[in-house]
N, C-alpha and C. Protein backbone atom coordinates (compact mmCIF):
# COMPACT_ATOMS: atom_id res chain seq x y z
N UNK A 1 -39.08 39.72 50.09
CA UNK A 1 -40.08 38.99 50.83
C UNK A 1 -40.79 38.03 49.89
N UNK A 2 -40.83 36.78 50.25
CA UNK A 2 -41.53 35.80 49.43
C UNK A 2 -43.01 35.85 49.77
N UNK A 3 -43.81 36.02 48.75
CA UNK A 3 -45.25 36.13 48.94
C UNK A 3 -45.88 34.74 49.04
N UNK A 4 -47.00 34.66 49.75
CA UNK A 4 -47.73 33.40 49.88
C UNK A 4 -48.62 33.12 48.68
N UNK A 5 -49.06 34.19 48.01
CA UNK A 5 -49.90 34.02 46.83
C UNK A 5 -49.81 35.28 45.97
N UNK A 6 -49.97 35.09 44.66
CA UNK A 6 -49.91 36.22 43.72
C UNK A 6 -50.88 35.98 42.58
N UNK A 7 -51.28 37.07 41.94
CA UNK A 7 -52.00 36.93 40.69
C UNK A 7 -50.98 36.52 39.63
N UNK A 8 -51.25 35.43 38.93
CA UNK A 8 -50.27 34.87 38.00
C UNK A 8 -50.88 34.54 36.65
N UNK A 9 -51.93 35.26 36.28
CA UNK A 9 -52.61 34.97 35.03
C UNK A 9 -51.70 35.03 33.82
N UNK A 10 -50.87 36.07 33.75
CA UNK A 10 -49.95 36.20 32.62
C UNK A 10 -48.96 35.05 32.56
N UNK A 11 -48.43 34.66 33.72
CA UNK A 11 -47.47 33.55 33.77
C UNK A 11 -48.14 32.25 33.34
N UNK A 12 -49.35 32.02 33.80
CA UNK A 12 -50.07 30.79 33.43
C UNK A 12 -50.35 30.78 31.93
N UNK A 13 -50.75 31.91 31.40
CA UNK A 13 -51.00 31.97 29.96
C UNK A 13 -49.72 31.71 29.18
N UNK A 14 -48.60 32.23 29.66
CA UNK A 14 -47.31 31.94 29.04
C UNK A 14 -47.02 30.45 29.06
N UNK A 15 -47.23 29.83 30.22
CA UNK A 15 -46.96 28.40 30.36
C UNK A 15 -47.84 27.57 29.42
N UNK A 16 -49.12 27.88 29.38
CA UNK A 16 -50.03 27.13 28.50
C UNK A 16 -49.61 27.27 27.04
N UNK A 17 -49.24 28.46 26.65
CA UNK A 17 -48.83 28.71 25.27
C UNK A 17 -47.49 28.04 24.96
N UNK A 18 -46.51 28.23 25.83
CA UNK A 18 -45.16 27.69 25.58
C UNK A 18 -45.15 26.16 25.59
N UNK A 19 -45.91 25.58 26.50
CA UNK A 19 -45.95 24.11 26.61
C UNK A 19 -46.97 23.48 25.66
N UNK A 20 -47.75 24.35 25.00
CA UNK A 20 -48.80 23.90 24.08
C UNK A 20 -49.73 22.89 24.74
N UNK A 21 -50.24 23.29 25.91
CA UNK A 21 -51.18 22.45 26.65
C UNK A 21 -52.44 23.25 26.95
N UNK A 22 -53.47 22.55 27.35
CA UNK A 22 -54.73 23.17 27.75
C UNK A 22 -54.77 23.27 29.27
N UNK A 23 -55.69 24.09 29.76
CA UNK A 23 -55.85 24.27 31.19
C UNK A 23 -56.17 22.97 31.92
N UNK A 24 -56.90 22.08 31.25
CA UNK A 24 -57.26 20.80 31.86
C UNK A 24 -56.00 19.98 32.13
N UNK A 25 -55.06 19.98 31.19
CA UNK A 25 -53.81 19.24 31.38
C UNK A 25 -52.99 19.86 32.51
N UNK A 26 -52.96 21.18 32.56
CA UNK A 26 -52.25 21.86 33.63
C UNK A 26 -52.85 21.49 34.98
N UNK A 27 -54.18 21.47 35.04
CA UNK A 27 -54.86 21.09 36.28
C UNK A 27 -54.47 19.67 36.71
N UNK A 28 -54.45 18.74 35.75
CA UNK A 28 -54.05 17.36 36.07
C UNK A 28 -52.61 17.31 36.57
N UNK A 29 -51.73 18.03 35.89
CA UNK A 29 -50.31 18.02 36.25
C UNK A 29 -50.05 18.61 37.64
N UNK A 30 -50.88 19.58 38.02
CA UNK A 30 -50.68 20.26 39.30
C UNK A 30 -51.61 19.74 40.40
N UNK A 31 -52.46 18.77 40.03
CA UNK A 31 -53.39 18.18 40.98
C UNK A 31 -54.34 19.23 41.58
N UNK A 32 -54.87 20.07 40.70
CA UNK A 32 -55.87 21.06 41.08
C UNK A 32 -57.04 20.94 40.11
N UNK A 33 -58.12 21.62 40.40
CA UNK A 33 -59.29 21.55 39.51
C UNK A 33 -59.09 22.43 38.28
N UNK A 34 -59.70 22.04 37.17
CA UNK A 34 -59.66 22.90 35.98
C UNK A 34 -60.24 24.29 36.25
N UNK A 35 -61.25 24.34 37.14
CA UNK A 35 -61.85 25.63 37.48
C UNK A 35 -60.83 26.54 38.16
N UNK A 36 -60.00 25.97 39.05
CA UNK A 36 -58.98 26.78 39.72
C UNK A 36 -57.98 27.30 38.70
N UNK A 37 -57.58 26.46 37.76
CA UNK A 37 -56.65 26.91 36.72
C UNK A 37 -57.27 28.06 35.94
N UNK A 38 -58.53 27.93 35.58
CA UNK A 38 -59.22 28.98 34.84
C UNK A 38 -59.28 30.27 35.65
N UNK A 39 -59.60 30.16 36.92
CA UNK A 39 -59.66 31.35 37.78
C UNK A 39 -58.29 32.01 37.91
N UNK A 40 -57.24 31.20 38.08
CA UNK A 40 -55.90 31.77 38.19
C UNK A 40 -55.46 32.40 36.87
N UNK A 41 -55.75 31.72 35.77
CA UNK A 41 -55.36 32.22 34.44
C UNK A 41 -56.00 33.57 34.15
N UNK A 42 -57.21 33.77 34.64
CA UNK A 42 -57.94 35.02 34.40
C UNK A 42 -57.85 36.00 35.57
N UNK A 43 -56.93 35.75 36.49
CA UNK A 43 -56.68 36.61 37.65
C UNK A 43 -57.92 36.83 38.52
N UNK A 44 -58.77 35.81 38.59
CA UNK A 44 -59.89 35.86 39.53
C UNK A 44 -59.50 35.24 40.86
N UNK A 45 -58.42 34.45 40.86
CA UNK A 45 -57.88 33.86 42.09
C UNK A 45 -56.37 33.96 42.03
N UNK A 46 -55.78 34.10 43.19
CA UNK A 46 -54.32 34.13 43.26
C UNK A 46 -53.78 32.71 43.24
N UNK A 47 -52.56 32.57 42.73
CA UNK A 47 -51.86 31.29 42.77
C UNK A 47 -51.18 31.18 44.13
N UNK A 48 -51.38 30.07 44.79
CA UNK A 48 -50.75 29.82 46.08
C UNK A 48 -49.30 29.36 45.87
N UNK A 49 -48.48 29.62 46.87
CA UNK A 49 -47.05 29.29 46.79
C UNK A 49 -46.82 27.81 46.52
N UNK A 50 -47.59 26.93 47.16
CA UNK A 50 -47.38 25.50 46.96
C UNK A 50 -47.69 25.07 45.52
N UNK A 51 -48.68 25.70 44.91
CA UNK A 51 -49.01 25.39 43.51
C UNK A 51 -47.89 25.89 42.60
N UNK A 52 -47.37 27.08 42.89
CA UNK A 52 -46.26 27.62 42.10
C UNK A 52 -45.04 26.70 42.20
N UNK A 53 -44.74 26.24 43.41
CA UNK A 53 -43.60 25.35 43.59
C UNK A 53 -43.79 24.06 42.81
N UNK A 54 -44.99 23.52 42.86
CA UNK A 54 -45.28 22.29 42.11
C UNK A 54 -45.13 22.54 40.62
N UNK A 55 -45.61 23.68 40.15
CA UNK A 55 -45.52 23.98 38.72
C UNK A 55 -44.06 24.07 38.27
N UNK A 56 -43.20 24.61 39.12
CA UNK A 56 -41.79 24.71 38.78
C UNK A 56 -41.10 23.35 38.80
N UNK A 57 -41.62 22.42 39.58
CA UNK A 57 -41.09 21.05 39.58
C UNK A 57 -41.53 20.30 38.32
N UNK A 58 -42.79 20.50 37.93
CA UNK A 58 -43.36 19.76 36.80
C UNK A 58 -42.87 20.30 35.46
N UNK A 59 -42.81 21.61 35.33
CA UNK A 59 -42.48 22.23 34.04
C UNK A 59 -41.10 22.87 34.09
N UNK A 60 -40.32 22.58 33.09
CA UNK A 60 -38.98 23.14 32.96
C UNK A 60 -39.02 24.20 31.86
N UNK A 61 -39.70 25.30 32.16
CA UNK A 61 -39.90 26.35 31.18
C UNK A 61 -39.27 27.64 31.72
N UNK A 62 -38.16 28.08 31.13
CA UNK A 62 -37.42 29.22 31.71
C UNK A 62 -38.18 30.54 31.71
N UNK A 63 -38.99 30.78 30.70
CA UNK A 63 -39.73 32.05 30.64
C UNK A 63 -40.81 32.05 31.73
N UNK A 64 -41.55 30.95 31.84
CA UNK A 64 -42.56 30.83 32.91
C UNK A 64 -41.89 30.95 34.27
N UNK A 65 -40.78 30.24 34.46
CA UNK A 65 -40.09 30.27 35.76
C UNK A 65 -39.68 31.69 36.11
N UNK A 66 -39.16 32.41 35.14
CA UNK A 66 -38.73 33.78 35.37
C UNK A 66 -39.91 34.65 35.80
N UNK A 67 -41.05 34.47 35.12
CA UNK A 67 -42.25 35.25 35.44
C UNK A 67 -42.75 34.93 36.85
N UNK A 68 -42.88 33.66 37.16
CA UNK A 68 -43.49 33.25 38.43
C UNK A 68 -42.57 33.57 39.60
N UNK A 69 -41.27 33.37 39.42
CA UNK A 69 -40.32 33.69 40.50
C UNK A 69 -40.30 35.20 40.76
N UNK A 70 -40.37 35.99 39.70
CA UNK A 70 -40.42 37.45 39.86
C UNK A 70 -41.65 37.84 40.69
N UNK A 71 -42.79 37.28 40.35
CA UNK A 71 -44.03 37.62 41.08
C UNK A 71 -43.93 37.23 42.55
N UNK A 72 -43.50 36.00 42.82
CA UNK A 72 -43.45 35.52 44.20
C UNK A 72 -42.34 36.17 45.02
N UNK A 73 -41.30 36.68 44.36
CA UNK A 73 -40.20 37.31 45.09
C UNK A 73 -40.54 38.73 45.50
N UNK A 74 -41.68 39.22 45.07
CA UNK A 74 -42.03 40.60 45.38
C UNK A 74 -41.17 41.61 44.64
N UNK A 75 -40.59 41.18 43.52
CA UNK A 75 -39.80 42.09 42.70
C UNK A 75 -38.31 42.02 42.94
N UNK A 76 -37.83 41.06 43.73
CA UNK A 76 -36.39 40.95 43.97
C UNK A 76 -35.64 40.32 42.81
N UNK A 77 -36.35 39.63 41.93
CA UNK A 77 -35.71 39.04 40.76
C UNK A 77 -36.18 39.79 39.52
N UNK A 78 -35.47 39.59 38.44
CA UNK A 78 -35.78 40.29 37.19
C UNK A 78 -37.07 39.76 36.57
N UNK A 79 -37.87 40.66 36.01
CA UNK A 79 -39.04 40.22 35.26
C UNK A 79 -38.62 39.78 33.86
N UNK A 80 -39.54 39.15 33.16
CA UNK A 80 -39.31 38.84 31.74
C UNK A 80 -39.31 40.17 31.00
N UNK A 81 -38.31 40.38 30.18
CA UNK A 81 -38.21 41.63 29.42
C UNK A 81 -39.04 41.48 28.14
N UNK A 82 -40.27 41.95 28.20
CA UNK A 82 -41.19 41.74 27.09
C UNK A 82 -41.79 43.04 26.56
N UNK A 83 -41.10 44.14 26.80
CA UNK A 83 -41.60 45.43 26.33
C UNK A 83 -41.36 45.66 24.85
N UNK A 84 -41.89 46.76 24.36
CA UNK A 84 -41.78 47.10 22.94
C UNK A 84 -40.34 47.31 22.49
N UNK A 85 -39.47 47.72 23.40
CA UNK A 85 -38.08 48.02 23.04
C UNK A 85 -37.19 46.78 23.08
N UNK A 86 -37.77 45.61 23.33
CA UNK A 86 -37.00 44.37 23.41
C UNK A 86 -37.37 43.46 22.25
N UNK A 87 -36.37 43.08 21.47
CA UNK A 87 -36.55 42.10 20.39
C UNK A 87 -36.16 40.74 20.97
N UNK A 88 -37.06 39.75 20.86
CA UNK A 88 -36.84 38.44 21.47
C UNK A 88 -35.82 37.57 20.76
N UNK A 89 -35.31 37.99 19.64
CA UNK A 89 -34.34 37.15 18.94
C UNK A 89 -33.08 37.03 19.78
N UNK A 90 -32.53 35.83 19.84
CA UNK A 90 -31.39 35.57 20.73
C UNK A 90 -30.21 36.50 20.46
N UNK A 91 -29.97 36.88 19.21
CA UNK A 91 -28.85 37.78 18.91
C UNK A 91 -29.11 39.19 19.44
N UNK A 92 -30.35 39.64 19.33
CA UNK A 92 -30.71 40.96 19.86
C UNK A 92 -30.63 40.97 21.38
N UNK A 93 -31.11 39.90 22.01
CA UNK A 93 -31.06 39.80 23.47
C UNK A 93 -29.61 39.72 23.94
N UNK A 94 -28.78 38.98 23.20
CA UNK A 94 -27.37 38.90 23.54
C UNK A 94 -26.73 40.28 23.50
N UNK A 95 -26.99 41.03 22.44
CA UNK A 95 -26.42 42.37 22.30
C UNK A 95 -26.92 43.29 23.41
N UNK A 96 -28.20 43.20 23.72
CA UNK A 96 -28.78 44.00 24.80
C UNK A 96 -28.08 43.68 26.12
N UNK A 97 -27.95 42.39 26.44
CA UNK A 97 -27.32 41.98 27.69
C UNK A 97 -25.87 42.47 27.74
N UNK A 98 -25.16 42.31 26.65
CA UNK A 98 -23.76 42.74 26.59
C UNK A 98 -23.64 44.24 26.84
N UNK A 99 -24.49 45.04 26.22
CA UNK A 99 -24.46 46.49 26.41
C UNK A 99 -24.74 46.85 27.86
N UNK A 100 -25.70 46.17 28.47
CA UNK A 100 -26.03 46.48 29.87
C UNK A 100 -24.89 46.09 30.81
N UNK A 101 -24.23 44.97 30.53
CA UNK A 101 -23.08 44.56 31.35
C UNK A 101 -21.94 45.57 31.19
N UNK A 102 -21.69 46.00 29.96
CA UNK A 102 -20.64 47.01 29.73
C UNK A 102 -20.93 48.30 30.49
N UNK A 103 -22.19 48.74 30.46
CA UNK A 103 -22.56 49.96 31.19
C UNK A 103 -22.32 49.79 32.69
N UNK A 104 -22.66 48.62 33.23
CA UNK A 104 -22.45 48.37 34.66
C UNK A 104 -20.96 48.38 35.00
N UNK A 105 -20.16 47.74 34.18
CA UNK A 105 -18.71 47.69 34.43
C UNK A 105 -18.12 49.10 34.37
N UNK A 106 -18.50 49.88 33.37
CA UNK A 106 -17.98 51.25 33.25
C UNK A 106 -18.39 52.10 34.46
N UNK A 107 -19.60 51.94 34.91
CA UNK A 107 -20.06 52.68 36.09
C UNK A 107 -19.26 52.28 37.32
N UNK A 108 -19.04 50.99 37.49
CA UNK A 108 -18.28 50.50 38.65
C UNK A 108 -16.83 50.98 38.62
N UNK A 109 -16.26 51.11 37.43
CA UNK A 109 -14.87 51.58 37.31
C UNK A 109 -14.72 53.02 37.82
N UNK A 110 -15.80 53.79 37.75
CA UNK A 110 -15.75 55.20 38.15
C UNK A 110 -16.02 55.42 39.65
N UNK A 111 -16.26 54.34 40.38
CA UNK A 111 -16.59 54.47 41.80
C UNK A 111 -15.49 53.86 42.64
N UNK A 112 -15.15 54.55 43.72
CA UNK A 112 -14.15 54.07 44.65
C UNK A 112 -14.87 53.59 45.91
N UNK A 113 -14.75 52.30 46.19
CA UNK A 113 -15.41 51.71 47.35
C UNK A 113 -14.48 51.60 48.57
N UNK A 114 -13.33 52.24 48.51
CA UNK A 114 -12.37 52.13 49.60
C UNK A 114 -12.88 52.82 50.86
N UNK A 115 -13.55 53.95 50.69
CA UNK A 115 -14.07 54.70 51.84
C UNK A 115 -15.18 53.89 52.52
N UNK A 116 -15.18 53.82 53.86
CA UNK A 116 -16.26 53.10 54.56
C UNK A 116 -17.62 53.72 54.25
N UNK A 117 -18.67 52.90 54.19
CA UNK A 117 -20.00 53.41 53.84
C UNK A 117 -20.47 54.57 54.71
N UNK A 118 -20.17 54.57 55.99
CA UNK A 118 -20.65 55.65 56.86
C UNK A 118 -19.86 56.96 56.67
N UNK A 119 -18.84 56.94 55.83
CA UNK A 119 -18.03 58.13 55.55
C UNK A 119 -18.31 58.70 54.15
N UNK A 120 -19.26 58.14 53.43
CA UNK A 120 -19.53 58.62 52.07
C UNK A 120 -20.43 59.86 52.10
N UNK A 121 -20.23 60.69 51.09
CA UNK A 121 -21.06 61.89 50.95
C UNK A 121 -22.36 61.53 50.25
N UNK A 122 -23.29 62.48 50.24
CA UNK A 122 -24.56 62.26 49.54
C UNK A 122 -24.32 62.02 48.05
N UNK A 123 -23.38 62.75 47.48
CA UNK A 123 -23.04 62.59 46.07
C UNK A 123 -22.49 61.19 45.80
N UNK A 124 -21.62 60.71 46.68
CA UNK A 124 -21.06 59.36 46.54
C UNK A 124 -22.16 58.30 46.71
N UNK A 125 -23.05 58.54 47.64
CA UNK A 125 -24.18 57.62 47.84
C UNK A 125 -25.04 57.54 46.57
N UNK A 126 -25.25 58.67 45.93
CA UNK A 126 -26.04 58.69 44.69
C UNK A 126 -25.34 57.92 43.58
N UNK A 127 -24.03 58.10 43.45
CA UNK A 127 -23.28 57.35 42.43
C UNK A 127 -23.33 55.85 42.71
N UNK A 128 -23.29 55.47 43.97
CA UNK A 128 -23.39 54.05 44.33
C UNK A 128 -24.79 53.53 44.00
N UNK A 129 -25.81 54.32 44.27
CA UNK A 129 -27.18 53.91 43.92
C UNK A 129 -27.31 53.74 42.40
N UNK A 130 -26.68 54.63 41.64
CA UNK A 130 -26.70 54.50 40.18
C UNK A 130 -25.97 53.24 39.74
N UNK A 131 -24.88 52.90 40.43
CA UNK A 131 -24.16 51.66 40.11
C UNK A 131 -25.05 50.45 40.37
N UNK A 132 -25.78 50.49 41.46
CA UNK A 132 -26.71 49.39 41.75
C UNK A 132 -27.75 49.28 40.65
N UNK A 133 -28.26 50.43 40.18
CA UNK A 133 -29.23 50.43 39.07
C UNK A 133 -28.63 49.76 37.83
N UNK A 134 -27.38 50.10 37.52
CA UNK A 134 -26.73 49.51 36.34
C UNK A 134 -26.53 48.00 36.52
N UNK A 135 -26.20 47.58 37.73
CA UNK A 135 -26.04 46.15 38.01
C UNK A 135 -27.39 45.44 37.84
N UNK A 136 -28.45 46.06 38.32
CA UNK A 136 -29.80 45.48 38.17
C UNK A 136 -30.15 45.35 36.69
N UNK A 137 -29.86 46.39 35.89
CA UNK A 137 -30.13 46.33 34.45
C UNK A 137 -29.33 45.21 33.79
N UNK A 138 -28.07 45.08 34.16
CA UNK A 138 -27.23 44.02 33.59
C UNK A 138 -27.76 42.65 34.00
N UNK A 139 -28.13 42.52 35.24
CA UNK A 139 -28.68 41.25 35.73
C UNK A 139 -29.97 40.89 34.97
N UNK A 140 -30.82 41.89 34.74
CA UNK A 140 -32.05 41.64 33.99
C UNK A 140 -31.75 41.17 32.57
N UNK A 141 -30.80 41.83 31.93
CA UNK A 141 -30.41 41.43 30.57
C UNK A 141 -29.84 40.03 30.53
N UNK A 142 -28.96 39.72 31.47
CA UNK A 142 -28.36 38.38 31.51
C UNK A 142 -29.38 37.30 31.86
N UNK A 143 -30.28 37.61 32.78
CA UNK A 143 -31.32 36.64 33.14
C UNK A 143 -32.22 36.32 31.95
N UNK A 144 -32.58 37.36 31.22
CA UNK A 144 -33.44 37.14 30.07
C UNK A 144 -32.68 36.40 28.96
N UNK A 145 -31.42 36.75 28.76
CA UNK A 145 -30.60 36.04 27.76
C UNK A 145 -30.51 34.56 28.13
N UNK A 146 -30.26 34.27 29.38
CA UNK A 146 -30.17 32.88 29.86
C UNK A 146 -31.47 32.14 29.57
N UNK A 147 -32.60 32.78 29.84
CA UNK A 147 -33.90 32.14 29.61
C UNK A 147 -34.15 31.91 28.12
N UNK A 148 -33.84 32.91 27.29
CA UNK A 148 -34.05 32.80 25.84
C UNK A 148 -33.17 31.69 25.26
N UNK A 149 -31.90 31.65 25.65
CA UNK A 149 -31.00 30.62 25.12
C UNK A 149 -31.45 29.23 25.56
N UNK A 150 -31.84 29.09 26.81
CA UNK A 150 -32.30 27.79 27.30
C UNK A 150 -33.55 27.34 26.55
N UNK A 151 -34.45 28.28 26.32
CA UNK A 151 -35.69 27.97 25.59
C UNK A 151 -35.38 27.57 24.15
N UNK A 152 -34.63 28.40 23.44
CA UNK A 152 -34.40 28.16 22.02
C UNK A 152 -33.55 26.93 21.76
N UNK A 153 -32.61 26.64 22.64
CA UNK A 153 -31.73 25.49 22.43
C UNK A 153 -32.17 24.27 23.24
N UNK A 154 -33.34 24.40 23.87
CA UNK A 154 -33.92 23.29 24.64
C UNK A 154 -32.93 22.74 25.67
N UNK A 155 -32.37 23.64 26.45
CA UNK A 155 -31.44 23.29 27.52
C UNK A 155 -32.12 23.58 28.85
N UNK A 156 -32.10 22.63 29.74
CA UNK A 156 -32.76 22.79 31.04
C UNK A 156 -31.95 23.70 31.95
N UNK A 157 -32.55 24.84 32.34
CA UNK A 157 -31.90 25.71 33.31
C UNK A 157 -31.80 25.04 34.67
N UNK A 158 -32.83 24.27 35.01
CA UNK A 158 -32.79 23.55 36.30
C UNK A 158 -31.59 22.62 36.35
N UNK A 159 -31.39 21.87 35.29
CA UNK A 159 -30.25 20.94 35.25
C UNK A 159 -28.92 21.69 35.27
N UNK A 160 -28.82 22.78 34.53
CA UNK A 160 -27.58 23.56 34.51
C UNK A 160 -27.27 24.13 35.90
N UNK A 161 -28.30 24.64 36.58
CA UNK A 161 -28.10 25.18 37.92
C UNK A 161 -27.65 24.09 38.89
N UNK A 162 -28.26 22.92 38.80
CA UNK A 162 -27.87 21.80 39.67
C UNK A 162 -26.40 21.43 39.43
N UNK A 163 -25.97 21.50 38.18
CA UNK A 163 -24.58 21.16 37.86
C UNK A 163 -23.60 22.23 38.33
N UNK A 164 -24.06 23.44 38.50
CA UNK A 164 -23.18 24.52 38.96
C UNK A 164 -22.93 24.47 40.46
N UNK A 165 -23.87 23.93 41.21
CA UNK A 165 -23.74 23.92 42.68
C UNK A 165 -22.44 23.26 43.16
N UNK A 166 -22.07 22.07 42.67
CA UNK A 166 -20.80 21.49 43.12
C UNK A 166 -19.59 22.35 42.75
N UNK A 167 -19.66 23.00 41.61
CA UNK A 167 -18.57 23.89 41.17
C UNK A 167 -18.46 25.06 42.14
N UNK A 168 -19.59 25.67 42.48
CA UNK A 168 -19.58 26.80 43.40
C UNK A 168 -19.11 26.37 44.80
N UNK A 169 -19.52 25.18 45.18
CA UNK A 169 -19.07 24.64 46.49
C UNK A 169 -17.56 24.46 46.49
N UNK A 170 -17.03 23.88 45.42
CA UNK A 170 -15.60 23.65 45.32
C UNK A 170 -14.82 24.96 45.32
N UNK A 171 -15.39 25.99 44.78
CA UNK A 171 -14.75 27.31 44.75
C UNK A 171 -14.90 28.06 46.07
N UNK A 172 -15.71 27.51 46.98
CA UNK A 172 -15.96 28.18 48.24
C UNK A 172 -16.96 29.31 48.16
N UNK A 173 -17.75 29.35 47.09
CA UNK A 173 -18.73 30.40 46.92
C UNK A 173 -19.99 30.15 47.75
N UNK A 174 -20.32 28.86 47.93
CA UNK A 174 -21.47 28.47 48.74
C UNK A 174 -21.03 27.38 49.69
N UNK A 175 -21.85 27.12 50.69
CA UNK A 175 -21.53 26.06 51.66
C UNK A 175 -22.32 24.81 51.37
């Protein structure tokens, strides 16, 4: 479910820091008051969906985008992996993502999806739920790796995604 507004103080602070700008500049770029930026940054006001959309148009910052999209999606997308057990260095993130993908693949290899869903046992349902968990972990690792690489190598994720759409269309993956 896409939310109409969310508290986005952490995401705004990330954006200000990563873009090396002040709240006044952010306010000008988003056509809002500096006071509103301050209130949103300190979680005294929620960020509205239209402001979030404008911010994603104005700023091409993968870490901010990942944070704000996660918040507005209600948790359907991966959050930024910023816990104590995550090293932000691109090589460490690459290794983490690779390990999570391997775990997901190994889990999927052990599951047989031939049986119709309404014929599965509780045990099979649990194994499938665990497979979904592993896929989510792999997706989180890959999403964060994508954001880190784009940030460090100054590659626009927006531009890369736009370039993938015709490829996916040609492959029949999207309409």
